[in-house]
Amino acid sequence: MRLRSNNPTRDDILSRYFPHYRIVAGPETSGLSGSSCILQHGEQRLVLREHHAAGAPESDFLRQYHALHRLPARLAPKPVFYTSGWMAVEYLIGEIKSVLPATRPLAALLYDLHQQPRFGWQLSLLPLLEQYWQQCSPTRRTPFWLRALQRLRRQGEPRALRLAPLHMDVHAGNIVHGAQGLRLIDWEYAGDGDVALELAAVWTTDNWQRYQLTLAYAEQANMAPERLWQQVLRWRPWVLMLMAGWFECRGQQTGDEQFFRLANDAWQPLKHKKEAVWGQ
């Protein structure tokens, strides 16, 4: 079957490239987005992922594929297929838990990732923050948001302590606990950046858990713990702004009020300085 030149559908992809596979889980049961699904043929399972990020160029999706190609199997699923708008990756057998792993194993996982060769493209947060401001609903733009954005623009991003390949979306739902250890999935935000930025972006339950993770990481990476922690704090307002802006844009794109509630939650530490994130 001839694929449509620009936007092949899932049925197009399945009939041409995976005719012997059957869908065993769709987005409604697998937690995937768009038309993504889990395929199976015999004992082999694959995750077929659709490029669904609104407004994101195809090059971002291709970068994710290249990132997975460069990473060892102990850290990430192996990619097996790519075409415009779609990729298939190895399905990781294991359990996804509702809480983060213990501090030391999680620190070891991140340190292992950060020891790998760099991807070749560096993360820059300010353009994303500007983009979120422009794309969100005008009714959601507040004077506080504008002041915070201007403040970060004046400050500039913190100078990196140590550059490494980053995952940038580390939370309990993106970690597979398997027989061979911990592995990370969902690499769509990956790029090169400061290791402290990764620690600042981990979805911990509170700042105490983040501090403990930072100490464990510093021990493994042979870094001065307090210096690393201060750098994590410098990155926190950037990460919180990134989260809030992302939720604002998703709310605008989908009309789902849940994203606006999440955005409101993300703004609170910045407004009330709950984490002492300003002035570090």
C-alpha atoms as a PDB file:
ATOM      1  CA  MET A   1       0.000   0.000   0.000  1.00  0.00           C
ATOM      2  CA  ARG A   2       1.347   3.444  -0.925  1.00  0.00           C
ATOM      3  CA  LEU A   3       1.770   5.712   2.083  1.00  0.00           C
ATOM      4  CA  ARG A   4       0.428   9.236   2.002  1.00  0.00           C
ATOM      5  CA  SER A   5       3.398  11.490   1.518  1.00  0.00           C
ATOM      6  CA  ASN A   6       2.901  13.665   4.593  1.00  0.00           C
ATOM      7  CA  ASN A   7       0.724  12.018   7.214  1.00  0.00           C
ATOM      8  CA  PRO A   8       0.554   8.232   7.096  1.00  0.00           C
ATOM      9  CA  THR A   9      -2.133   6.888   9.401  1.00  0.00           C
ATOM     10  CA  ARG A  10      -1.638   4.109  11.893  1.00  0.00           C
ATOM     11  CA  ASP A  11      -3.414   1.711   9.541  1.00  0.00           C
ATOM     12  CA  ASP A  12      -1.010   2.738   6.767  1.00  0.00           C
ATOM     13  CA  ILE A  13       1.975   1.953   8.974  1.00  0.00           C
ATOM     14  CA  LEU A  14       0.586  -1.356  10.218  1.00  0.00           C
ATOM     15  CA  SER A  15      -0.400  -2.678   6.801  1.00  0.00           C
ATOM     16  CA  ARG A  16       2.887  -1.776   5.149  1.00  0.00           C
ATOM     17  CA  TYR A  17       5.511  -2.374   7.839  1.00  0.00           C
ATOM     18  CA  PHE A  18       3.885  -4.558  10.500  1.00  0.00           C
ATOM     19  CA  PRO A  19       1.351  -6.762   8.667  1.00  0.00           C
ATOM     20  CA  HIS A  20       1.886  -9.715  11.021  1.00  0.00           C
ATOM     21  CA  TYR A  21       1.517  -7.718  14.224  1.00  0.00           C
ATOM     22  CA  ARG A  22      -1.699  -7.182  16.141  1.00  0.00           C
ATOM     23  CA  ILE A  23      -2.602  -4.330  18.459  1.00  0.00           C
ATOM     24  CA  VAL A  24      -2.707  -5.543  22.057  1.00  0.00           C
ATOM     25  CA  ALA A  25      -3.131  -2.144  23.746  1.00  0.00           C
ATOM     26  CA  GLY A  26      -4.279   1.210  22.421  1.00  0.00           C
ATOM     27  CA  PRO A  27      -3.804   4.674  23.917  1.00  0.00           C
ATOM     28  CA  GLU A  28      -6.893   4.335  26.085  1.00  0.00           C
ATOM     29  CA  THR A  29      -5.375   1.422  28.044  1.00  0.00           C
ATOM     30  CA  SER A  30      -1.612   1.876  27.645  1.00  0.00           C
ATOM     31  CA  GLY A  31      -1.195   5.494  28.708  1.00  0.00           C
ATOM     32  CA  LEU A  32       0.153   6.402  25.267  1.00  0.00           C
ATOM     33  CA  SER A  33      -0.921   9.480  23.320  1.00  0.00           C
ATOM     34  CA  GLY A  34      -2.503  10.065  19.930  1.00  0.00           C
ATOM     35  CA  SER A  35      -2.800   6.854  17.913  1.00  0.00           C
ATOM     36  CA  SER A  36       0.204   5.206  19.592  1.00  0.00           C
ATOM     37  CA  CYS A  37      -0.228   1.566  20.572  1.00  0.00           C
ATOM     38  CA  ILE A  38       1.490  -1.643  21.652  1.00  0.00           C
ATOM     39  CA  LEU A  39       1.974  -4.320  18.983  1.00  0.00           C
ATOM     40  CA  GLN A  40       2.685  -8.021  19.332  1.00  0.00           C
ATOM     41  CA  HIS A  41       3.853 -10.759  16.966  1.00  0.00           C
ATOM     42  CA  GLY A  42       4.640 -14.061  18.628  1.00  0.00           C
ATOM     43  CA  GLU A  43       6.811 -13.262  21.637  1.00  0.00           C
ATOM     44  CA  GLN A  44       7.911  -9.858  20.369  1.00  0.00           C
ATOM     45  CA  ARG A  45       6.238  -6.667  21.523  1.00  0.00           C
ATOM     46  CA  LEU A  46       6.840  -3.183  20.168  1.00  0.00           C
ATOM     47  CA  VAL A  47       5.576   0.258  21.080  1.00  0.00           C
ATOM     48  CA  LEU A  48       4.439   2.146  17.986  1.00  0.00           C
ATOM     49  CA  ARG A  49       4.626   5.853  18.801  1.00  0.00           C
ATOM     50  CA  GLU A  50       3.010   8.697  16.908  1.00  0.00           C
ATOM     51  CA  HIS A  51       4.541  12.155  16.746  1.00  0.00           C
ATOM     52  CA  HIS A  52       1.708  14.049  18.394  1.00  0.00           C
ATOM     53  CA  ALA A  53       3.278  17.185  19.858  1.00  0.00           C
ATOM     54  CA  ALA A  54       1.289  20.086  18.447  1.00  0.00           C
ATOM     55  CA  GLY A  55       3.511  22.574  16.641  1.00  0.00           C
ATOM     56  CA  ALA A  56       6.705  20.591  17.224  1.00  0.00           C
ATOM     57  CA  PRO A  57       8.779  20.012  14.082  1.00  0.00           C
ATOM     58  CA  GLU A  58       9.455  16.533  12.752  1.00  0.00           C
ATOM     59  CA  SER A  59      13.134  17.093  13.553  1.00  0.00           C
ATOM     60  CA  ASP A  60      12.300  16.908  17.280  1.00  0.00           C
ATOM     61  CA  PHE A  61      10.799  13.456  16.790  1.00  0.00           C
ATOM     62  CA  LEU A  62      13.787  12.350  14.718  1.00  0.00           C
ATOM     63  CA  ARG A  63      16.130  13.531  17.457  1.00  0.00           C
ATOM     64  CA  GLN A  64      14.331  11.276  19.915  1.00  0.00           C
ATOM     65  CA  TYR A  65      14.929   8.340  17.567  1.00  0.00           C
ATOM     66  CA  HIS A  66      18.629   9.227  17.253  1.00  0.00           C
ATOM     67  CA  ALA A  67      18.929   9.589  21.038  1.00  0.00           C
ATOM     68  CA  LEU A  68      17.537   6.093  21.562  1.00  0.00           C
ATOM     69  CA  HIS A  69      19.967   4.735  18.963  1.00  0.00           C
ATOM     70  CA  ARG A  70      22.918   6.117  20.908  1.00  0.00           C
ATOM     71  CA  LEU A  71      21.903   4.855  24.334  1.00  0.00           C
ATOM     72  CA  PRO A  72      22.779   1.401  25.706  1.00  0.00           C
ATOM     73  CA  ALA A  73      19.966  -1.107  26.185  1.00  0.00           C
ATOM     74  CA  ARG A  74      20.402  -0.991  29.972  1.00  0.00           C
ATOM     75  CA  LEU A  75      19.108   2.598  29.973  1.00  0.00           C
ATOM     76  CA  ALA A  76      16.440   2.850  27.281  1.00  0.00           C
ATOM     77  CA  PRO A  77      14.365   0.878  24.769  1.00  0.00           C
ATOM     78  CA  LYS A  78      16.007   0.197  21.422  1.00  0.00           C
ATOM     79  CA  PRO A  79      14.408   1.835  18.376  1.00  0.00           C
ATOM     80  CA  VAL A  80      13.564  -0.546  15.529  1.00  0.00           C
ATOM     81  CA  PHE A  81      11.690   1.579  12.973  1.00  0.00           C
ATOM     82  CA  TYR A  82      11.235   5.185  11.863  1.00  0.00           C
ATOM     83  CA  THR A  83       9.233   6.978   9.205  1.00  0.00           C
ATOM     84  CA  SER A  84       7.741  10.442   9.070  1.00  0.00           C
ATOM     85  CA  GLY A  85       5.488  10.865  12.097  1.00  0.00           C
ATOM     86  CA  TRP A  86       6.021   7.375  13.510  1.00  0.00           C
ATOM     87  CA  MET A  87       8.601   5.247  15.287  1.00  0.00           C
ATOM     88  CA  ALA A  88       8.591   1.785  16.826  1.00  0.00           C
ATOM     89  CA  VAL A  89      10.694   0.924  19.858  1.00  0.00           C
ATOM     90  CA  GLU A  90      11.292  -2.145  21.965  1.00  0.00           C
ATOM     91  CA  TYR A  91       8.632  -2.810  24.595  1.00  0.00           C
ATOM     92  CA  LEU A  92      10.297  -2.962  28.008  1.00  0.00           C
ATOM     93  CA  ILE A  93       9.120  -5.767  30.252  1.00  0.00           C
ATOM     94  CA  GLY A  94       8.743  -4.694  33.845  1.00  0.00           C
ATOM     95  CA  GLU A  95       6.653  -2.694  36.275  1.00  0.00           C
ATOM     96  CA  ILE A  96       5.892   1.003  36.272  1.00  0.00           C
ATOM     97  CA  LYS A  97       5.314   2.071  39.857  1.00  0.00           C
ATOM     98  CA  SER A  98       3.460   5.053  41.258  1.00  0.00           C
ATOM     99  CA  VAL A  99       6.465   6.348  43.212  1.00  0.00           C
ATOM    100  CA  LEU A 100      10.084   7.023  42.348  1.00  0.00           C
ATOM    101  CA  PRO A 101      12.708   4.348  43.050  1.00  0.00           C
ATOM    102  CA  ALA A 102      14.816   4.581  46.191  1.00  0.00           C
ATOM    103  CA  THR A 103      17.252   7.479  46.183  1.00  0.00           C
ATOM    104  CA  ARG A 104      20.506   5.618  45.558  1.00  0.00           C
ATOM    105  CA  PRO A 105      19.290   3.442  42.634  1.00  0.00           C
ATOM    106  CA  LEU A 106      17.711   6.505  41.024  1.00  0.00           C
ATOM    107  CA  ALA A 107      20.917   8.496  41.444  1.00  0.00           C
ATOM    108  CA  ALA A 108      22.858   5.596  39.915  1.00  0.00           C
ATOM    109  CA  LEU A 109      20.494   5.495  36.931  1.00  0.00           C
ATOM    110  CA  LEU A 110      20.898   9.217  36.274  1.00  0.00           C
ATOM    111  CA  TYR A 111      24.664   9.081  36.734  1.00  0.00           C
ATOM    112  CA  ASP A 112      24.893   6.185  34.269  1.00  0.00           C
ATOM    113  CA  LEU A 113      22.923   8.214  31.716  1.00  0.00           C
ATOM    114  CA  HIS A 114      25.078  11.287  32.268  1.00  0.00           C
ATOM    115  CA  GLN A 115      28.239   9.247  31.641  1.00  0.00           C
ATOM    116  CA  GLN A 116      27.126   8.459  28.081  1.00  0.00           C
ATOM    117  CA  PRO A 117      28.373  10.425  25.038  1.00  0.00           C
ATOM    118  CA  ARG A 118      26.440  13.623  24.452  1.00  0.00           C
ATOM    119  CA  PHE A 119      23.575  13.582  21.965  1.00  0.00           C
ATOM    120  CA  GLY A 120      24.863  16.524  19.950  1.00  0.00           C
ATOM    121  CA  TRP A 121      22.103  19.088  20.539  1.00  0.00           C
ATOM    122  CA  GLN A 122      21.982  21.344  23.571  1.00  0.00           C
ATOM    123  CA  LEU A 123      18.843  22.211  25.483  1.00  0.00           C
ATOM    124  CA  SER A 124      17.953  25.894  25.687  1.00  0.00           C
ATOM    125  CA  LEU A 125      15.096  26.740  28.027  1.00  0.00           C
ATOM    126  CA  LEU A 126      14.546  30.439  27.360  1.00  0.00           C
ATOM    127  CA  PRO A 127      13.194  29.951  23.798  1.00  0.00           C
ATOM    128  CA  LEU A 128      10.717  27.399  25.174  1.00  0.00           C
ATOM    129  CA  LEU A 129       9.586  29.787  27.906  1.00  0.00           C
ATOM    130  CA  GLU A 130       9.092  32.530  25.313  1.00  0.00           C
ATOM    131  CA  GLN A 131       7.185  30.122  23.080  1.00  0.00           C
ATOM    132  CA  TYR A 132       4.840  29.062  25.877  1.00  0.00           C
ATOM    133  CA  TRP A 133       4.103  32.711  26.690  1.00  0.00           C
ATOM    134  CA  GLN A 134       3.218  33.411  23.065  1.00  0.00           C
ATOM    135  CA  GLN A 135       1.127  30.262  22.542  1.00  0.00           C
ATOM    136  CA  CYS A 136      -0.946  30.299  25.721  1.00  0.00           C
ATOM    137  CA  SER A 137      -4.389  31.828  26.030  1.00  0.00           C
ATOM    138  CA  PRO A 138      -4.181  35.643  26.366  1.00  0.00           C
ATOM    139  CA  THR A 139      -6.621  35.397  29.260  1.00  0.00           C
ATOM    140  CA  ARG A 140      -4.073  33.277  31.160  1.00  0.00           C
ATOM    141  CA  ARG A 141      -1.164  35.713  30.738  1.00  0.00           C
ATOM    142  CA  THR A 142      -0.625  37.434  34.058  1.00  0.00           C
ATOM    143  CA  PRO A 143       1.641  40.308  35.150  1.00  0.00           C
ATOM    144  CA  PHE A 144       3.412  37.858  37.465  1.00  0.00           C
ATOM    145  CA  TRP A 145       4.163  35.494  34.582  1.00  0.00           C
ATOM    146  CA  LEU A 146       5.560  38.358  32.500  1.00  0.00           C
ATOM    147  CA  ARG A 147       7.715  39.649  35.367  1.00  0.00           C
ATOM    148  CA  ALA A 148       9.050  36.162  36.063  1.00  0.00           C
ATOM    149  CA  LEU A 149       9.874  35.635  32.397  1.00  0.00           C
ATOM    150  CA  GLN A 150      11.630  38.999  32.185  1.00  0.00           C
ATOM    151  CA  ARG A 151      13.604  38.197  35.313  1.00  0.00           C
ATOM    152  CA  LEU A 152      14.889  34.924  33.900  1.00  0.00           C
ATOM    153  CA  ARG A 153      15.664  36.635  30.602  1.00  0.00           C
ATOM    154  CA  ARG A 154      17.828  39.185  32.436  1.00  0.00           C
ATOM    155  CA  GLN A 155      19.558  36.537  34.540  1.00  0.00           C
ATOM    156  CA  GLY A 156      20.288  34.130  31.718  1.00  0.00           C
ATOM    157  CA  GLU A 157      20.519  30.378  32.192  1.00  0.00           C
ATOM    158  CA  PRO A 158      22.955  29.189  34.879  1.00  0.00           C
ATOM    159  CA  ARG A 159      26.388  28.261  33.593  1.00  0.00           C
ATOM    160  CA  ALA A 160      26.600  24.471  33.498  1.00  0.00           C
ATOM    161  CA  LEU A 161      28.630  22.640  36.117  1.00  0.00           C
ATOM    162  CA  ARG A 162      28.869  19.519  33.969  1.00  0.00           C
ATOM    163  CA  LEU A 163      27.373  18.939  30.511  1.00  0.00           C
ATOM    164  CA  ALA A 164      25.831  15.540  29.790  1.00  0.00           C
ATOM    165  CA  PRO A 165      22.967  13.881  27.906  1.00  0.00           C
ATOM    166  CA  LEU A 166      19.737  14.480  29.849  1.00  0.00           C
ATOM    167  CA  HIS A 167      16.338  12.779  29.853  1.00  0.00           C
ATOM    168  CA  MET A 168      14.446  15.802  31.246  1.00  0.00           C
ATOM    169  CA  ASP A 169      11.184  14.017  32.078  1.00  0.00           C
ATOM    170  CA  VAL A 170      12.133  11.763  34.973  1.00  0.00           C
ATOM    171  CA  HIS A 171       9.087  10.776  37.006  1.00  0.00           C
ATOM    172  CA  ALA A 172       7.678   7.531  38.363  1.00  0.00           C
ATOM    173  CA  GLY A 173       5.622   6.850  35.230  1.00  0.00           C
ATOM    174  CA  ASN A 174       8.687   6.991  32.976  1.00  0.00           C
ATOM    175  CA  ILE A 175      10.772   4.434  34.878  1.00  0.00           C
ATOM    176  CA  VAL A 176      10.452   0.710  34.175  1.00  0.00           C
ATOM    177  CA  HIS A 177      11.506  -1.618  37.007  1.00  0.00           C
ATOM    178  CA  GLY A 178      12.711  -4.791  35.294  1.00  0.00           C
ATOM    179  CA  ALA A 179      14.795  -7.863  35.999  1.00  0.00           C
ATOM    180  CA  GLN A 180      17.894  -6.067  34.696  1.00  0.00           C
ATOM    181  CA  GLY A 181      17.315  -2.915  36.730  1.00  0.00           C
ATOM    182  CA  LEU A 182      15.803   0.498  36.058  1.00  0.00           C
ATOM    183  CA  ARG A 183      15.287   1.902  32.561  1.00  0.00           C
ATOM    184  CA  LEU A 184      13.812   5.136  31.265  1.00  0.00           C
ATOM    185  CA  ILE A 185      11.090   5.560  28.642  1.00  0.00           C
ATOM    186  CA  ASP A 186       9.587   8.619  26.877  1.00  0.00           C
ATOM    187  CA  TRP A 187      12.691  10.453  25.665  1.00  0.00           C
ATOM    188  CA  GLU A 188      10.937  13.237  23.743  1.00  0.00           C
ATOM    189  CA  TYR A 189      12.553  16.049  25.763  1.00  0.00           C
ATOM    190  CA  ALA A 190      16.093  14.618  25.761  1.00  0.00           C
ATOM    191  CA  GLY A 191      19.113  16.753  24.949  1.00  0.00           C
ATOM    192  CA  ASP A 192      22.464  17.884  26.294  1.00  0.00           C
ATOM    193  CA  GLY A 193      22.532  20.095  29.365  1.00  0.00           C
ATOM    194  CA  ASP A 194      23.718  20.623  32.911  1.00  0.00           C
ATOM    195  CA  VAL A 195      23.412  17.588  35.185  1.00  0.00           C
ATOM    196  CA  ALA A 196      21.988  19.929  37.845  1.00  0.00           C
ATOM    197  CA  LEU A 197      19.148  20.790  35.454  1.00  0.00           C
ATOM    198  CA  GLU A 198      18.200  17.109  35.328  1.00  0.00           C
ATOM    199  CA  LEU A 199      18.127  16.929  39.124  1.00  0.00           C
ATOM    200  CA  ALA A 200      16.067  20.120  39.269  1.00  0.00           C
ATOM    201  CA  ALA A 201      13.545  18.611  36.848  1.00  0.00           C
ATOM    202  CA  VAL A 202      12.991  15.220  38.529  1.00  0.00           C
ATOM    203  CA  TRP A 203       9.379  14.962  39.719  1.00  0.00           C
ATOM    204  CA  THR A 204      10.062  14.448  43.428  1.00  0.00           C
ATOM    205  CA  THR A 205       7.374  14.628  46.096  1.00  0.00           C
ATOM    206  CA  ASP A 206       9.085  17.566  47.815  1.00  0.00           C
ATOM    207  CA  ASN A 207      12.349  19.473  47.989  1.00  0.00           C
ATOM    208  CA  TRP A 208      13.701  17.259  50.774  1.00  0.00           C
ATOM    209  CA  GLN A 209      13.509  14.238  48.478  1.00  0.00           C
ATOM    210  CA  ARG A 210      15.254  16.292  45.774  1.00  0.00           C
ATOM    211  CA  TYR A 211      17.978  17.260  48.239  1.00  0.00           C
ATOM    212  CA  GLN A 212      18.560  13.622  49.208  1.00  0.00           C
ATOM    213  CA  LEU A 213      18.729  12.661  45.522  1.00  0.00           C
ATOM    214  CA  THR A 214      21.243  15.442  44.904  1.00  0.00           C
ATOM    215  CA  LEU A 215      23.457  14.242  47.769  1.00  0.00           C
ATOM    216  CA  ALA A 216      23.378  10.654  46.488  1.00  0.00           C
ATOM    217  CA  TYR A 217      24.155  11.825  42.960  1.00  0.00           C
ATOM    218  CA  ALA A 218      27.030  14.037  44.139  1.00  0.00           C
ATOM    219  CA  GLU A 219      28.585  11.059  45.916  1.00  0.00           C
ATOM    220  CA  GLN A 220      28.428   8.894  42.789  1.00  0.00           C
ATOM    221  CA  ALA A 221      29.612  11.681  40.483  1.00  0.00           C
ATOM    222  CA  ASN A 222      32.388  12.863  42.821  1.00  0.00           C
ATOM    223  CA  MET A 223      30.941  16.383  42.936  1.00  0.00           C
ATOM    224  CA  ALA A 224      30.809  18.811  45.858  1.00  0.00           C
ATOM    225  CA  PRO A 225      27.302  18.201  47.261  1.00  0.00           C
ATOM    226  CA  GLU A 226      26.510  21.737  48.444  1.00  0.00           C
ATOM    227  CA  ARG A 227      27.790  23.298  45.240  1.00  0.00           C
ATOM    228  CA  LEU A 228      25.642  20.904  43.232  1.00  0.00           C
ATOM    229  CA  TRP A 229      22.607  21.634  45.419  1.00  0.00           C
ATOM    230  CA  GLN A 230      23.003  25.393  44.970  1.00  0.00           C
ATOM    231  CA  GLN A 231      23.109  24.827  41.217  1.00  0.00           C
ATOM    232  CA  VAL A 232      19.947  22.707  41.406  1.00  0.00           C
ATOM    233  CA  LEU A 233      18.237  25.602  43.215  1.00  0.00           C
ATOM    234  CA  ARG A 234      19.379  28.028  40.513  1.00  0.00           C
ATOM    235  CA  TRP A 235      17.662  25.844  37.924  1.00  0.00           C
ATOM    236  CA  ARG A 236      14.411  25.370  39.858  1.00  0.00           C
ATOM    237  CA  PRO A 237      12.657  28.597  38.747  1.00  0.00           C
ATOM    238  CA  TRP A 238      13.484  27.699  35.148  1.00  0.00           C
ATOM    239  CA  VAL A 239      11.993  24.244  35.576  1.00  0.00           C
ATOM    240  CA  LEU A 240       8.893  25.512  37.371  1.00  0.00           C
ATOM    241  CA  MET A 241       8.327  28.103  34.647  1.00  0.00           C
ATOM    242  CA  LEU A 242       8.819  25.388  32.038  1.00  0.00           C
ATOM    243  CA  MET A 243       6.255  23.144  33.723  1.00  0.00           C
ATOM    244  CA  ALA A 244       3.726  25.929  34.213  1.00  0.00           C
ATOM    245  CA  GLY A 245       4.085  27.127  30.621  1.00  0.00           C
ATOM    246  CA  TRP A 246       3.746  23.605  29.240  1.00  0.00           C
ATOM    247  CA  PHE A 247       0.545  23.023  31.223  1.00  0.00           C
ATOM    248  CA  GLU A 248      -0.817  26.407  30.109  1.00  0.00           C
ATOM    249  CA  CYS A 249      -0.227  25.556  26.450  1.00  0.00           C
ATOM    250  CA  ARG A 250      -1.680  22.074  26.773  1.00  0.00           C
ATOM    251  CA  GLY A 251      -4.761  23.553  28.397  1.00  0.00           C
ATOM    252  CA  GLN A 252      -5.071  26.001  25.518  1.00  0.00           C
ATOM    253  CA  GLN A 253      -4.623  23.238  22.912  1.00  0.00           C
ATOM    254  CA  THR A 254      -6.965  20.675  24.469  1.00  0.00           C
ATOM    255  CA  GLY A 255      -9.472  22.750  26.421  1.00  0.00           C
ATOM    256  CA  ASP A 256      -8.929  20.352  29.338  1.00  0.00           C
ATOM    257  CA  GLU A 257      -9.313  22.212  32.633  1.00  0.00           C
ATOM    258  CA  GLN A 258      -7.038  19.698  34.350  1.00  0.00           C
ATOM    259  CA  PHE A 259      -4.015  21.275  32.647  1.00  0.00           C
ATOM    260  CA  PHE A 260      -4.951  24.713  33.945  1.00  0.00           C
ATOM    261  CA  ARG A 261      -5.219  23.288  37.464  1.00  0.00           C
ATOM    262  CA  LEU A 262      -1.757  21.740  37.076  1.00  0.00           C
ATOM    263  CA  ALA A 263      -0.449  25.066  35.783  1.00  0.00           C
ATOM    264  CA  ASN A 264      -1.877  26.810  38.844  1.00  0.00           C
ATOM    265  CA  ASP A 265      -0.091  24.295  41.077  1.00  0.00           C
ATOM    266  CA  ALA A 266       3.188  24.880  39.228  1.00  0.00           C
ATOM    267  CA  TRP A 267       2.930  28.651  39.709  1.00  0.00           C
ATOM    268  CA  GLN A 268       2.522  28.435  43.493  1.00  0.00           C
ATOM    269  CA  PRO A 269       6.171  27.785  44.494  1.00  0.00           C
ATOM    270  CA  LEU A 270       7.251  30.719  42.334  1.00  0.00           C
ATOM    271  CA  LYS A 271       4.603  33.071  43.702  1.00  0.00           C
ATOM    272  CA  HIS A 272       5.085  32.175  47.344  1.00  0.00           C
ATOM    273  CA  LYS A 273       8.776  31.219  47.252  1.00  0.00           C
ATOM    274  CA  LYS A 274       7.998  27.893  48.876  1.00  0.00           C
ATOM    275  CA  GLU A 275      11.293  26.444  47.663  1.00  0.00           C
ATOM    276  CA  ALA A 276      13.342  29.629  48.057  1.00  0.00           C
ATOM    277  CA  VAL A 277      13.929  29.381  44.323  1.00  0.00           C
ATOM    278  CA  TRP A 278      14.494  33.088  43.670  1.00  0.00           C
ATOM    279  CA  GLY A 279      17.674  34.935  44.469  1.00  0.00           C
ATOM    280  CA  GLN A 280      19.942  31.909  44.590  1.00  0.00           C
END
